[in-house]
């Protein structure tokens, strides 16, 4: 299934690091949330696109996925049955990217609402 070492795009890593600075949620936990958000939204990765993994945060599969490892791999295999292990890793990274933008947006809205409530 997924390779033992996995990483993301640099821009996604930066989003996850900013999320950690703002919320305390570690990048690996945020990546798990983002992945499942992306799956729920119906995002589908197209392996014909040129998707480059350029990040420096290379972690082992268990650190990235934790107790969600089996479910994550199963969902990827069901959605992309013809993909190789490497293509599945790229699809996982693309799902994390897709889902991380929704998390960022929701947190910005939540912060804005908190500020509005404090003003009143």
Protein backbone atom coordinates (compact mmCIF):
# COMPACT_ATOMS: atom_id res chain seq x y z
CA UNK A 1 0.00 0.00 0.00
CA UNK A 2 1.45 3.36 1.02
CA UNK A 3 5.24 3.65 1.28
CA UNK A 4 6.89 3.71 4.72
CA UNK A 5 8.08 7.32 4.27
CA UNK A 6 5.65 9.98 3.07
CA UNK A 7 5.71 13.73 2.51
CA UNK A 8 3.65 16.57 1.05
CA UNK A 9 4.03 19.66 -1.10
CA UNK A 10 5.98 22.46 0.54
CA UNK A 11 2.98 24.81 0.39
CA UNK A 12 0.80 22.25 2.21
CA UNK A 13 3.48 21.74 4.87
CA UNK A 14 3.51 25.49 5.42
CA UNK A 15 -0.28 25.53 5.78
CA UNK A 16 -0.10 22.73 8.34
CA UNK A 17 2.70 24.50 10.24
CA UNK A 18 0.64 27.71 10.33
CA UNK A 19 -2.31 25.72 11.55
CA UNK A 20 -0.15 24.33 14.34
CA UNK A 21 0.99 27.83 15.31
CA UNK A 22 -2.62 29.06 15.43
CA UNK A 23 -4.31 26.06 17.02
CA UNK A 24 -1.69 23.72 18.45
CA UNK A 25 -2.85 20.89 16.17
CA UNK A 26 0.24 19.03 14.97
CA UNK A 27 0.79 18.66 11.21
CA UNK A 28 0.25 14.91 11.24
CA UNK A 29 -3.11 15.19 13.04
CA UNK A 30 -4.16 18.10 10.80
CA UNK A 31 -3.20 16.01 7.75
CA UNK A 32 -5.47 13.19 8.94
CA UNK A 33 -8.38 15.59 9.39
CA UNK A 34 -7.69 17.19 6.00
CA UNK A 35 -7.55 13.81 4.26
CA UNK A 36 -10.94 12.73 5.57
CA UNK A 37 -12.47 16.14 4.81
CA UNK A 38 -11.27 15.76 1.24
CA UNK A 39 -12.72 12.26 0.97
CA UNK A 40 -16.06 13.51 2.36
CA UNK A 41 -16.13 16.38 -0.13
CA UNK A 42 -15.82 13.96 -3.05
CA UNK A 43 -12.42 15.16 -4.26
CA UNK A 44 -10.86 12.81 -6.81
CA UNK A 45 -7.17 12.98 -7.70
CA UNK A 46 -6.22 12.74 -11.34
CA UNK A 47 -2.84 11.03 -11.71
CA UNK A 48 -2.35 12.58 -15.14
CA UNK A 49 -1.72 15.96 -13.48
CA UNK A 50 1.85 16.91 -12.64
CA UNK A 51 1.73 16.83 -8.83
CA UNK A 52 5.17 17.27 -7.26
CA UNK A 53 5.93 16.43 -3.64
CA UNK A 54 8.45 19.08 -2.65
CA UNK A 55 8.24 19.25 1.14
CA UNK A 56 10.94 18.63 3.69
CA UNK A 57 8.76 17.08 6.40
CA UNK A 58 9.29 13.40 5.63
CA UNK A 59 7.62 11.23 8.24
CA UNK A 60 6.97 7.54 8.48
CA UNK A 61 3.56 6.24 7.52
CA UNK A 62 2.51 5.50 11.10
CA UNK A 63 3.32 9.05 12.26
CA UNK A 64 1.32 10.59 9.41
CA UNK A 65 -1.65 8.24 9.69
CA UNK A 66 -1.67 6.96 13.28
CA UNK A 67 -4.64 4.75 14.08
CA UNK A 68 -6.31 5.80 10.82
CA UNK A 69 -3.73 3.94 8.74
CA UNK A 70 -5.86 0.96 7.74
CA UNK A 71 -8.93 3.06 6.97
CA UNK A 72 -6.88 5.59 5.00
CA UNK A 73 -5.21 2.91 2.91
CA UNK A 74 -8.51 1.13 2.33
CA UNK A 75 -10.24 4.33 1.19
CA UNK A 76 -7.39 5.13 -1.17
CA UNK A 77 -7.36 1.59 -2.60
CA UNK A 78 -11.14 1.65 -3.09
CA UNK A 79 -11.09 5.04 -4.81
CA UNK A 80 -7.97 4.35 -6.88
CA UNK A 81 -7.77 0.56 -7.40
CA UNK A 82 -5.45 0.83 -10.41
CA UNK A 83 -2.87 3.12 -8.75
CA UNK A 84 0.59 1.95 -7.75
CA UNK A 85 1.85 2.47 -4.18
CA UNK A 86 3.70 5.62 -5.26
CA UNK A 87 0.60 6.98 -7.01
CA UNK A 88 -1.45 6.25 -3.87
CA UNK A 89 1.02 8.30 -1.82
CA UNK A 90 0.68 11.21 -4.26
CA UNK A 91 -3.12 10.85 -4.15
CA UNK A 92 -2.98 10.93 -0.33
CA UNK A 93 -0.90 14.13 -0.48
CA UNK A 94 -3.34 15.70 -2.95
CA UNK A 95 -6.24 14.82 -0.64
CA UNK A 96 -4.42 16.42 2.28
CA UNK A 97 -3.91 19.55 0.21
CA UNK A 98 -7.56 19.61 -0.83
CA UNK A 99 -8.80 19.15 2.73
CA UNK A 100 -6.32 21.51 4.38
CA UNK A 101 -7.75 24.53 2.60
CA UNK A 102 -11.21 23.81 4.05
CA UNK A 103 -9.78 23.48 7.56
CA UNK A 104 -7.89 26.75 7.18
CA UNK A 105 -11.03 28.51 5.94
CA UNK A 106 -13.17 27.16 8.79
CA UNK A 107 -10.63 28.23 11.40
CA UNK A 108 -10.42 31.72 9.88
CA UNK A 109 -14.22 32.00 10.01
CA UNK A 110 -14.25 30.74 13.61
CA UNK A 111 -11.59 33.26 14.63
CA UNK A 112 -13.47 36.05 12.89
CA UNK A 113 -16.72 35.11 14.66
CA UNK A 114 -14.94 35.03 18.03
CA UNK A 115 -13.60 38.53 17.41
CA UNK A 116 -17.06 39.79 16.41
CA UNK A 117 -18.59 38.32 19.56
CA UNK A 118 -15.88 39.94 21.72
CA UNK A 119 -16.55 43.34 20.16
CA UNK A 120 -20.21 43.30 21.21
